[in-house]
Amino acid sequence: MKYIIGIIAIVFVVIVIRFFVHLKRKLDEIEANFQKRFAGKKIRFLDKHALYIARESDGYSHFRGQGYLVLTEDELFFERQLVKRIIEIPIGSIIKVEKTR
């Protein structure tokens, strides 16, 4: 019985380590794509750990994810870290900006 618990613990540790290795690779890939995409553009604001909370088109507010938020002279850009989802908003289409809690 002790051996089974030990084997389960080892398998669990291996799975957790593989998850974090995968996460690190994914974040490195996003960083490389980010550097390529915004090379030569003037970045006014950057947050690599921004939380994407809600979208008006979803009909209700709910947590969606964490990712890169970039404000340039032309657009507001957000890319989720774990799920490849990009939101681009042209600066001209932004009506107002508010702080939320």
PDB file of N, CA and C in Angstrom:
ATOM      1  N   MET A   1       0.816  -1.204   0.000  1.00  0.00           N
ATOM      2  CA  MET A   1       0.000   0.000   0.000  1.00  0.00           C
ATOM      3  C   MET A   1       0.857   1.264   0.000  1.00  0.00           C
ATOM      4  N   LYS A   2       1.989   1.230   0.770  1.00  0.00           N
ATOM      5  CA  LYS A   2       2.874   2.397   0.807  1.00  0.00           C
ATOM      6  C   LYS A   2       3.440   2.693  -0.579  1.00  0.00           C
ATOM      7  N   TYR A   3       3.736   1.647  -1.326  1.00  0.00           N
ATOM      8  CA  TYR A   3       4.316   1.831  -2.650  1.00  0.00           C
ATOM      9  C   TYR A   3       3.322   2.470  -3.614  1.00  0.00           C
ATOM     10  N   ILE A   4       2.082   2.092  -3.499  1.00  0.00           N
ATOM     11  CA  ILE A   4       1.054   2.678  -4.371  1.00  0.00           C
ATOM     12  C   ILE A   4       0.897   4.162  -4.089  1.00  0.00           C
ATOM     13  N   ILE A   5       0.873   4.537  -2.811  1.00  0.00           N
ATOM     14  CA  ILE A   5       0.767   5.958  -2.450  1.00  0.00           C
ATOM     15  C   ILE A   5       1.997   6.713  -2.937  1.00  0.00           C
ATOM     16  N   GLY A   6       3.173   6.108  -2.807  1.00  0.00           N
ATOM     17  CA  GLY A   6       4.406   6.735  -3.289  1.00  0.00           C
ATOM     18  C   GLY A   6       4.389   6.929  -4.795  1.00  0.00           C
ATOM     19  N   ILE A   7       3.930   5.920  -5.516  1.00  0.00           N
ATOM     20  CA  ILE A   7       3.844   6.016  -6.980  1.00  0.00           C
ATOM     21  C   ILE A   7       2.844   7.094  -7.382  1.00  0.00           C
ATOM     22  N   ILE A   8       1.699   7.148  -6.707  1.00  0.00           N
ATOM     23  CA  ILE A   8       0.703   8.184  -7.006  1.00  0.00           C
ATOM     24  C   ILE A   8       1.276   9.572  -6.739  1.00  0.00           C
ATOM     25  N   ALA A   9       2.016   9.722  -5.636  1.00  0.00           N
ATOM     26  CA  ALA A   9       2.635  11.020  -5.324  1.00  0.00           C
ATOM     27  C   ALA A   9       3.648  11.414  -6.390  1.00  0.00           C
ATOM     28  N   ILE A  10       4.458  10.469  -6.837  1.00  0.00           N
ATOM     29  CA  ILE A  10       5.459  10.758  -7.873  1.00  0.00           C
ATOM     30  C   ILE A  10       4.773  11.143  -9.185  1.00  0.00           C
ATOM     31  N   VAL A  11       3.744  10.413  -9.567  1.00  0.00           N
ATOM     32  CA  VAL A  11       3.009  10.728 -10.800  1.00  0.00           C
ATOM     33  C   VAL A  11       2.395  12.117 -10.697  1.00  0.00           C
ATOM     34  N   PHE A  12       1.830  12.447  -9.551  1.00  0.00           N
ATOM     35  CA  PHE A  12       1.247  13.773  -9.354  1.00  0.00           C
ATOM     36  C   PHE A  12       2.293  14.870  -9.506  1.00  0.00           C
ATOM     37  N   VAL A  13       3.464  14.680  -8.886  1.00  0.00           N
ATOM     38  CA  VAL A  13       4.540  15.672  -8.982  1.00  0.00           C
ATOM     39  C   VAL A  13       4.987  15.826 -10.430  1.00  0.00           C
ATOM     40  N   VAL A  14       5.124  14.731 -11.155  1.00  0.00           N
ATOM     41  CA  VAL A  14       5.529  14.787 -12.568  1.00  0.00           C
ATOM     42  C   VAL A  14       4.496  15.551 -13.389  1.00  0.00           C
ATOM     43  N   ILE A  15       3.216  15.302 -13.147  1.00  0.00           N
ATOM     44  CA  ILE A  15       2.157  16.010 -13.878  1.00  0.00           C
ATOM     45  C   ILE A  15       2.208  17.502 -13.589  1.00  0.00           C
ATOM     46  N   VAL A  16       2.395  17.880 -12.334  1.00  0.00           N
ATOM     47  CA  VAL A  16       2.469  19.299 -11.967  1.00  0.00           C
ATOM     48  C   VAL A  16       3.681  19.957 -12.632  1.00  0.00           C
ATOM     49  N   ILE A  17       4.820  19.283 -12.601  1.00  0.00           N
ATOM     50  CA  ILE A  17       6.028  19.837 -13.232  1.00  0.00           C
ATOM     51  C   ILE A  17       5.814  20.002 -14.730  1.00  0.00           C
ATOM     52  N   ARG A  18       5.233  19.001 -15.385  1.00  0.00           N
ATOM     53  CA  ARG A  18       4.971  19.106 -16.831  1.00  0.00           C
ATOM     54  C   ARG A  18       4.017  20.252 -17.145  1.00  0.00           C
ATOM     55  N   PHE A  19       3.026  20.470 -16.280  1.00  0.00           N
ATOM     56  CA  PHE A  19       2.105  21.581 -16.477  1.00  0.00           C
ATOM     57  C   PHE A  19       2.849  22.913 -16.440  1.00  0.00           C
ATOM     58  N   PHE A  20       3.721  23.101 -15.452  1.00  0.00           N
ATOM     59  CA  PHE A  20       4.444  24.362 -15.345  1.00  0.00           C
ATOM     60  C   PHE A  20       5.455  24.538 -16.473  1.00  0.00           C
ATOM     61  N   VAL A  21       6.052  23.462 -16.946  1.00  0.00           N
ATOM     62  CA  VAL A  21       6.944  23.546 -18.110  1.00  0.00           C
ATOM     63  C   VAL A  21       6.149  23.971 -19.339  1.00  0.00           C
ATOM     64  N   HIS A  22       4.976  23.367 -19.529  1.00  0.00           N
ATOM     65  CA  HIS A  22       4.103  23.746 -20.647  1.00  0.00           C
ATOM     66  C   HIS A  22       3.686  25.209 -20.534  1.00  0.00           C
ATOM     67  N   LEU A  23       3.316  25.644 -19.344  1.00  0.00           N
ATOM     68  CA  LEU A  23       2.922  27.039 -19.127  1.00  0.00           C
ATOM     69  C   LEU A  23       4.065  27.982 -19.449  1.00  0.00           C
ATOM     70  N   LYS A  24       5.279  27.660 -19.028  1.00  0.00           N
ATOM     71  CA  LYS A  24       6.444  28.502 -19.310  1.00  0.00           C
ATOM     72  C   LYS A  24       6.696  28.584 -20.815  1.00  0.00           C
ATOM     73  N   ARG A  25       6.584  27.466 -21.521  1.00  0.00           N
ATOM     74  CA  ARG A  25       6.769  27.480 -22.982  1.00  0.00           C
ATOM     75  C   ARG A  25       5.721  28.362 -23.653  1.00  0.00           C
ATOM     76  N   LYS A  26       4.474  28.246 -23.194  1.00  0.00           N
ATOM     77  CA  LYS A  26       3.382  29.042 -23.760  1.00  0.00           C
ATOM     78  C   LYS A  26       3.637  30.529 -23.534  1.00  0.00           C
ATOM     79  N   LEU A  27       4.064  30.899 -22.335  1.00  0.00           N
ATOM     80  CA  LEU A  27       4.343  32.308 -22.040  1.00  0.00           C
ATOM     81  C   LEU A  27       5.532  32.816 -22.859  1.00  0.00           C
ATOM     82  N   ASP A  28       6.544  31.982 -23.060  1.00  0.00           N
ATOM     83  CA  ASP A  28       7.686  32.369 -23.902  1.00  0.00           C
ATOM     84  C   ASP A  28       7.250  32.578 -25.348  1.00  0.00           C
ATOM     85  N   GLU A  29       6.342  31.734 -25.831  1.00  0.00           N
ATOM     86  CA  GLU A  29       5.813  31.877 -27.194  1.00  0.00           C
ATOM     87  C   GLU A  29       5.024  33.178 -27.340  1.00  0.00           C
ATOM     88  N   ILE A  30       4.198  33.489 -26.362  1.00  0.00           N
ATOM     89  CA  ILE A  30       3.430  34.736 -26.393  1.00  0.00           C
ATOM     90  C   ILE A  30       4.371  35.934 -26.363  1.00  0.00           C
ATOM     91  N   GLU A  31       5.406  35.873 -25.543  1.00  0.00           N
ATOM     92  CA  GLU A  31       6.385  36.965 -25.448  1.00  0.00           C
ATOM     93  C   GLU A  31       7.091  37.178 -26.788  1.00  0.00           C
ATOM     94  N   ALA A  32       7.495  36.094 -27.461  1.00  0.00           N
ATOM     95  CA  ALA A  32       8.164  36.217 -28.754  1.00  0.00           C
ATOM     96  C   ALA A  32       7.221  36.823 -29.795  1.00  0.00           C
ATOM     97  N   ASN A  33       5.969  36.358 -29.827  1.00  0.00           N
ATOM     98  CA  ASN A  33       4.987  36.925 -30.762  1.00  0.00           C
ATOM     99  C   ASN A  33       4.717  38.387 -30.447  1.00  0.00           C
ATOM    100  N   PHE A  34       4.669  38.711 -29.176  1.00  0.00           N
ATOM    101  CA  PHE A  34       4.452  40.087 -28.732  1.00  0.00           C
ATOM    102  C   PHE A  34       5.577  40.998 -29.225  1.00  0.00           C
ATOM    103  N   GLN A  35       6.822  40.560 -29.019  1.00  0.00           N
ATOM    104  CA  GLN A  35       7.979  41.364 -29.446  1.00  0.00           C
ATOM    105  C   GLN A  35       7.956  41.596 -30.956  1.00  0.00           C
ATOM    106  N   LYS A  36       7.600  40.562 -31.717  1.00  0.00           N
ATOM    107  CA  LYS A  36       7.556  40.685 -33.172  1.00  0.00           C
ATOM    108  C   LYS A  36       6.424  41.616 -33.612  1.00  0.00           C
ATOM    109  N   ARG A  37       5.257  41.469 -33.004  1.00  0.00           N
ATOM    110  CA  ARG A  37       4.073  42.243 -33.393  1.00  0.00           C
ATOM    111  C   ARG A  37       4.244  43.742 -33.146  1.00  0.00           C
ATOM    112  N   PHE A  38       4.862  44.101 -32.033  1.00  0.00           N
ATOM    113  CA  PHE A  38       4.950  45.508 -31.662  1.00  0.00           C
ATOM    114  C   PHE A  38       6.325  46.127 -31.904  1.00  0.00           C
ATOM    115  N   ALA A  39       7.165  45.448 -32.665  1.00  0.00           N
ATOM    116  CA  ALA A  39       8.473  46.006 -32.999  1.00  0.00           C
ATOM    117  C   ALA A  39       8.285  47.275 -33.827  1.00  0.00           C
ATOM    118  N   GLY A  40       8.889  48.356 -33.409  1.00  0.00           N
ATOM    119  CA  GLY A  40       8.818  49.610 -34.148  1.00  0.00           C
ATOM    120  C   GLY A  40       7.611  50.476 -33.810  1.00  0.00           C
ATOM    121  N   LYS A  41       6.681  49.975 -33.004  1.00  0.00           N
ATOM    122  CA  LYS A  41       5.512  50.768 -32.614  1.00  0.00           C
ATOM    123  C   LYS A  41       5.767  51.422 -31.265  1.00  0.00           C
ATOM    124  N   LYS A  42       5.191  52.591 -31.074  1.00  0.00           N
ATOM    125  CA  LYS A  42       5.324  53.286 -29.798  1.00  0.00           C
ATOM    126  C   LYS A  42       4.270  52.733 -28.824  1.00  0.00           C
ATOM    127  N   ILE A  43       4.748  52.105 -27.772  1.00  0.00           N
ATOM    128  CA  ILE A  43       3.853  51.531 -26.766  1.00  0.00           C
ATOM    129  C   ILE A  43       3.650  52.562 -25.666  1.00  0.00           C
ATOM    130  N   ARG A  44       2.396  52.948 -25.469  1.00  0.00           N
ATOM    131  CA  ARG A  44       2.055  53.939 -24.437  1.00  0.00           C
ATOM    132  C   ARG A  44       1.817  53.286 -23.085  1.00  0.00           C
ATOM    133  N   PHE A  45       1.315  52.060 -23.075  1.00  0.00           N
ATOM    134  CA  PHE A  45       1.071  51.342 -21.826  1.00  0.00           C
ATOM    135  C   PHE A  45       1.192  49.848 -22.085  1.00  0.00           C
ATOM    136  N   LEU A  46       1.762  49.125 -21.115  1.00  0.00           N
ATOM    137  CA  LEU A  46       1.943  47.685 -21.248  1.00  0.00           C
ATOM    138  C   LEU A  46       1.720  47.034 -19.889  1.00  0.00           C
ATOM    139  N   ASP A  47       0.922  45.984 -19.871  1.00  0.00           N
ATOM    140  CA  ASP A  47       0.721  45.185 -18.666  1.00  0.00           C
ATOM    141  C   ASP A  47       0.720  43.719 -19.087  1.00  0.00           C
ATOM    142  N   LYS A  48       1.718  42.970 -18.634  1.00  0.00           N
ATOM    143  CA  LYS A  48       1.834  41.558 -19.015  1.00  0.00           C
ATOM    144  C   LYS A  48       0.979  40.644 -18.148  1.00  0.00           C
ATOM    145  N   HIS A  49       0.309  41.211 -17.157  1.00  0.00           N
ATOM    146  CA  HIS A  49      -0.514  40.414 -16.249  1.00  0.00           C
ATOM    147  C   HIS A  49      -1.900  41.034 -16.076  1.00  0.00           C
ATOM    148  N   ALA A  50      -2.442  41.560 -17.146  1.00  0.00           N
ATOM    149  CA  ALA A  50      -3.756  42.200 -17.089  1.00  0.00           C
ATOM    150  C   ALA A  50      -4.853  41.149 -16.997  1.00  0.00           C
ATOM    151  N   LEU A  51      -5.916  41.476 -16.276  1.00  0.00           N
ATOM    152  CA  LEU A  51      -7.066  40.593 -16.169  1.00  0.00           C
ATOM    153  C   LEU A  51      -8.152  41.068 -17.115  1.00  0.00           C
ATOM    154  N   TYR A  52      -8.640  40.155 -17.917  1.00  0.00           N
ATOM    155  CA  TYR A  52      -9.753  40.424 -18.822  1.00  0.00           C
ATOM    156  C   TYR A  52     -11.011  39.996 -18.081  1.00  0.00           C
ATOM    157  N   ILE A  53     -11.830  40.961 -17.696  1.00  0.00           N
ATOM    158  CA  ILE A  53     -12.952  40.666 -16.816  1.00  0.00           C
ATOM    159  C   ILE A  53     -14.256  40.431 -17.570  1.00  0.00           C
ATOM    160  N   ALA A  54     -14.633  41.307 -18.500  1.00  0.00           N
ATOM    161  CA  ALA A  54     -15.947  41.171 -19.131  1.00  0.00           C
ATOM    162  C   ALA A  54     -15.957  41.835 -20.498  1.00  0.00           C
ATOM    163  N   ARG A  55     -16.967  41.457 -21.271  1.00  0.00           N
ATOM    164  CA  ARG A  55     -17.234  42.112 -22.551  1.00  0.00           C
ATOM    165  C   ARG A  55     -18.710  42.417 -22.607  1.00  0.00           C
ATOM    166  N   GLU A  56     -19.031  43.568 -23.151  1.00  0.00           N
ATOM    167  CA  GLU A  56     -20.434  43.962 -23.250  1.00  0.00           C
ATOM    168  C   GLU A  56     -21.223  42.955 -24.084  1.00  0.00           C
ATOM    169  N   SER A  57     -20.625  42.416 -25.122  1.00  0.00           N
ATOM    170  CA  SER A  57     -21.339  41.489 -25.998  1.00  0.00           C
ATOM    171  C   SER A  57     -21.641  40.146 -25.322  1.00  0.00           C
ATOM    172  N   ASP A  58     -20.960  39.842 -24.207  1.00  0.00           N
ATOM    173  CA  ASP A  58     -21.251  38.602 -23.493  1.00  0.00           C
ATOM    174  C   ASP A  58     -22.582  38.680 -22.756  1.00  0.00           C
ATOM    175  N   GLY A  59     -23.082  39.880 -22.487  1.00  0.00           N
ATOM    176  CA  GLY A  59     -24.370  40.037 -21.829  1.00  0.00           C
ATOM    177  C   GLY A  59     -24.282  40.073 -20.313  1.00  0.00           C
ATOM    178  N   TYR A  60     -23.179  39.668 -19.746  1.00  0.00           N
ATOM    179  CA  TYR A  60     -23.005  39.710 -18.307  1.00  0.00           C
ATOM    180  C   TYR A  60     -21.504  39.698 -18.005  1.00  0.00           C
ATOM    181  N   SER A  61     -21.153  40.098 -16.795  1.00  0.00           N
ATOM    182  CA  SER A  61     -19.749  40.167 -16.409  1.00  0.00           C
ATOM    183  C   SER A  61     -19.302  38.850 -15.790  1.00  0.00           C
ATOM    184  N   HIS A  62     -18.167  38.378 -16.211  1.00  0.00           N
ATOM    185  CA  HIS A  62     -17.579  37.203 -15.614  1.00  0.00           C
ATOM    186  C   HIS A  62     -16.086  37.179 -15.916  1.00  0.00           C
ATOM    187  N   PHE A  63     -15.322  36.509 -15.084  1.00  0.00           N
ATOM    188  CA  PHE A  63     -13.882  36.414 -15.253  1.00  0.00           C
ATOM    189  C   PHE A  63     -13.561  35.628 -16.514  1.00  0.00           C
ATOM    190  N   ARG A  64     -12.624  36.103 -17.294  1.00  0.00           N
ATOM    191  CA  ARG A  64     -12.281  35.429 -18.537  1.00  0.00           C
ATOM    192  C   ARG A  64     -10.831  34.988 -18.612  1.00  0.00           C
ATOM    193  N   GLY A  65      -9.888  35.771 -18.093  1.00  0.00           N
ATOM    194  CA  GLY A  65      -8.511  35.330 -18.210  1.00  0.00           C
ATOM    195  C   GLY A  65      -7.503  36.415 -17.940  1.00  0.00           C
ATOM    196  N   GLN A  66      -6.252  36.017 -18.020  1.00  0.00           N
ATOM    197  CA  GLN A  66      -5.133  36.909 -17.799  1.00  0.00           C
ATOM    198  C   GLN A  66      -4.305  36.945 -19.074  1.00  0.00           C
ATOM    199  N   GLY A  67      -3.669  38.099 -19.335  1.00  0.00           N
ATOM    200  CA  GLY A  67      -2.867  38.172 -20.536  1.00  0.00           C
ATOM    201  C   GLY A  67      -2.148  39.492 -20.698  1.00  0.00           C
ATOM    202  N   TYR A  68      -1.698  39.748 -21.918  1.00  0.00           N
ATOM    203  CA  TYR A  68      -0.971  40.968 -22.267  1.00  0.00           C
ATOM    204  C   TYR A  68      -1.961  42.047 -22.690  1.00  0.00           C
ATOM    205  N   LEU A  69      -1.829  43.207 -22.093  1.00  0.00           N
ATOM    206  CA  LEU A  69      -2.609  44.374 -22.488  1.00  0.00           C
ATOM    207  C   LEU A  69      -1.633  45.421 -22.982  1.00  0.00           C
ATOM    208  N   VAL A  70      -1.845  45.889 -24.207  1.00  0.00           N
ATOM    209  CA  VAL A  70      -0.938  46.857 -24.809  1.00  0.00           C
ATOM    210  C   VAL A  70      -1.753  47.996 -25.400  1.00  0.00           C
ATOM    211  N   LEU A  71      -1.344  49.208 -25.092  1.00  0.00           N
ATOM    212  CA  LEU A  71      -1.949  50.394 -25.680  1.00  0.00           C
ATOM    213  C   LEU A  71      -0.899  51.072 -26.545  1.00  0.00           C
ATOM    214  N   THR A  72      -1.194  51.161 -27.843  1.00  0.00           N
ATOM    215  CA  THR A  72      -0.315  51.887 -28.762  1.00  0.00           C
ATOM    216  C   THR A  72      -1.065  53.126 -29.238  1.00  0.00           C
ATOM    217  N   GLU A  73      -0.473  53.863 -30.144  1.00  0.00           N
ATOM    218  CA  GLU A  73      -1.139  55.055 -30.687  1.00  0.00           C
ATOM    219  C   GLU A  73      -2.329  54.676 -31.563  1.00  0.00           C
ATOM    220  N   ASP A  74      -2.369  53.437 -32.054  1.00  0.00           N
ATOM    221  CA  ASP A  74      -3.402  53.004 -32.986  1.00  0.00           C
ATOM    222  C   ASP A  74      -4.475  52.100 -32.379  1.00  0.00           C
ATOM    223  N   GLU A  75      -4.112  51.310 -31.370  1.00  0.00           N
ATOM    224  CA  GLU A  75      -5.042  50.290 -30.900  1.00  0.00           C
ATOM    225  C   GLU A  75      -4.825  49.938 -29.432  1.00  0.00           C
ATOM    226  N   LEU A  76      -5.864  49.302 -28.884  1.00  0.00           N
ATOM    227  CA  LEU A  76      -5.783  48.644 -27.586  1.00  0.00           C
ATOM    228  C   LEU A  76      -5.802  47.153 -27.892  1.00  0.00           C
ATOM    229  N   PHE A  77      -4.798  46.437 -27.425  1.00  0.00           N
ATOM    230  CA  PHE A  77      -4.590  45.038 -27.789  1.00  0.00           C
ATOM    231  C   PHE A  77      -4.555  44.192 -26.522  1.00  0.00           C
ATOM    232  N   PHE A  78      -5.282  43.063 -26.532  1.00  0.00           N
ATOM    233  CA  PHE A  78      -5.237  42.120 -25.419  1.00  0.00           C
ATOM    234  C   PHE A  78      -5.129  40.710 -25.970  1.00  0.00           C
ATOM    235  N   GLU A  79      -4.177  39.936 -25.420  1.00  0.00           N
ATOM    236  CA  GLU A  79      -4.040  38.529 -25.788  1.00  0.00           C
ATOM    237  C   GLU A  79      -4.033  37.687 -24.523  1.00  0.00           C
ATOM    238  N   ARG A  80      -4.939  36.726 -24.450  1.00  0.00           N
ATOM    239  CA  ARG A  80      -4.990  35.834 -23.289  1.00  0.00           C
ATOM    240  C   ARG A  80      -3.785  34.924 -23.281  1.00  0.00           C
ATOM    241  N   GLN A  81      -3.323  34.576 -22.086  1.00  0.00           N
ATOM    242  CA  GLN A  81      -2.111  33.782 -21.966  1.00  0.00           C
ATOM    243  C   GLN A  81      -2.319  32.309 -22.296  1.00  0.00           C
ATOM    244  N   LEU A  82      -3.307  31.676 -21.746  1.00  0.00           N
ATOM    245  CA  LEU A  82      -3.442  30.237 -21.924  1.00  0.00           C
ATOM    246  C   LEU A  82      -4.227  29.849 -23.159  1.00  0.00           C
ATOM    247  N   VAL A  83      -5.218  30.629 -23.494  1.00  0.00           N
ATOM    248  CA  VAL A  83      -6.043  30.342 -24.663  1.00  0.00           C
ATOM    249  C   VAL A  83      -5.720  31.394 -25.712  1.00  0.00           C
ATOM    250  N   LYS A  84      -5.417  30.959 -26.911  1.00  0.00           N
ATOM    251  CA  LYS A  84      -5.044  31.892 -27.979  1.00  0.00           C
ATOM    252  C   LYS A  84      -6.275  32.696 -28.396  1.00  0.00           C
ATOM    253  N   ARG A  85      -6.506  33.797 -27.691  1.00  0.00           N
ATOM    254  CA  ARG A  85      -7.620  34.673 -28.024  1.00  0.00           C
ATOM    255  C   ARG A  85      -7.118  36.107 -27.998  1.00  0.00           C
ATOM    256  N   ILE A  86      -7.308  36.799 -29.101  1.00  0.00           N
ATOM    257  CA  ILE A  86      -6.813  38.168 -29.239  1.00  0.00           C
ATOM    258  C   ILE A  86      -7.997  39.102 -29.418  1.00  0.00           C
ATOM    259  N   ILE A  87      -7.941  40.216 -28.711  1.00  0.00           N
ATOM    260  CA  ILE A  87      -8.938  41.271 -28.861  1.00  0.00           C
ATOM    261  C   ILE A  87      -8.193  42.534 -29.264  1.00  0.00           C
ATOM    262  N   GLU A  88      -8.585  43.115 -30.386  1.00  0.00           N
ATOM    263  CA  GLU A  88      -7.982  44.350 -30.878  1.00  0.00           C
ATOM    264  C   GLU A  88      -9.079  45.401 -30.993  1.00  0.00           C
ATOM    265  N   ILE A  89      -8.859  46.547 -30.379  1.00  0.00           N
ATOM    266  CA  ILE A  89      -9.831  47.636 -30.434  1.00  0.00           C
ATOM    267  C   ILE A  89      -9.133  48.869 -30.993  1.00  0.00           C
ATOM    268  N   PRO A  90      -9.559  49.356 -32.153  1.00  0.00           N
ATOM    269  CA  PRO A  90      -8.973  50.582 -32.689  1.00  0.00           C
ATOM    270  C   PRO A  90      -9.251  51.747 -31.738  1.00  0.00           C
ATOM    271  N   ILE A  91      -8.260  52.614 -31.568  1.00  0.00           N
ATOM    272  CA  ILE A  91      -8.395  53.745 -30.646  1.00  0.00           C
ATOM    273  C   ILE A  91      -9.610  54.606 -31.000  1.00  0.00           C
ATOM    274  N   GLY A  92      -9.899  54.785 -32.265  1.00  0.00           N
ATOM    275  CA  GLY A  92     -11.023  55.614 -32.694  1.00  0.00           C
ATOM    276  C   GLY A  92     -12.382  55.083 -32.274  1.00  0.00           C
ATOM    277  N   SER A  93     -12.481  53.802 -31.959  1.00  0.00           N
ATOM    278  CA  SER A  93     -13.783  53.241 -31.590  1.00  0.00           C
ATOM    279  C   SER A  93     -14.020  53.219 -30.074  1.00  0.00           C
ATOM    280  N   ILE A  94     -13.045  53.665 -29.289  1.00  0.00           N
ATOM    281  CA  ILE A  94     -13.210  53.713 -27.831  1.00  0.00           C
ATOM    282  C   ILE A  94     -14.027  54.945 -27.471  1.00  0.00           C
ATOM    283  N   ILE A  95     -15.150  54.732 -26.794  1.00  0.00           N
ATOM    284  CA  ILE A  95     -16.058  55.819 -26.449  1.00  0.00           C
ATOM    285  C   ILE A  95     -15.690  56.468 -25.124  1.00  0.00           C
ATOM    286  N   LYS A  96     -15.431  55.647 -24.097  1.00  0.00           N
ATOM    287  CA  LYS A  96     -15.021  56.192 -22.807  1.00  0.00           C
ATOM    288  C   LYS A  96     -14.205  55.157 -22.047  1.00  0.00           C
ATOM    289  N   VAL A  97     -13.511  55.636 -21.032  1.00  0.00           N
ATOM    290  CA  VAL A  97     -12.669  54.788 -20.194  1.00  0.00           C
ATOM    291  C   VAL A  97     -13.067  55.045 -18.745  1.00  0.00           C
ATOM    292  N   GLU A  98     -13.254  53.965 -17.996  1.00  0.00           N
ATOM    293  CA  GLU A  98     -13.637  54.088 -16.591  1.00  0.00           C
ATOM    294  C   GLU A  98     -12.793  53.143 -15.747  1.00  0.00           C
ATOM    295  N   LYS A  99     -12.647  53.482 -14.475  1.00  0.00           N
ATOM    296  CA  LYS A  99     -12.013  52.565 -13.523  1.00  0.00           C
ATOM    297  C   LYS A  99     -13.112  51.702 -12.921  1.00  0.00           C
ATOM    298  N   THR A 100     -12.791  50.439 -12.700  1.00  0.00           N
ATOM    299  CA  THR A 100     -13.735  49.528 -12.076  1.00  0.00           C
ATOM    300  C   THR A 100     -13.080  48.871 -10.863  1.00  0.00           C
ATOM    301  N   ARG A 101     -13.903  48.214 -10.086  1.00  0.00           N
ATOM    302  CA  ARG A 101     -13.365  47.473  -8.923  1.00  0.00           C
ATOM    303  C   ARG A 101     -13.389  46.002  -9.214  1.00  0.00           C
TER     304      ARG A 101
END
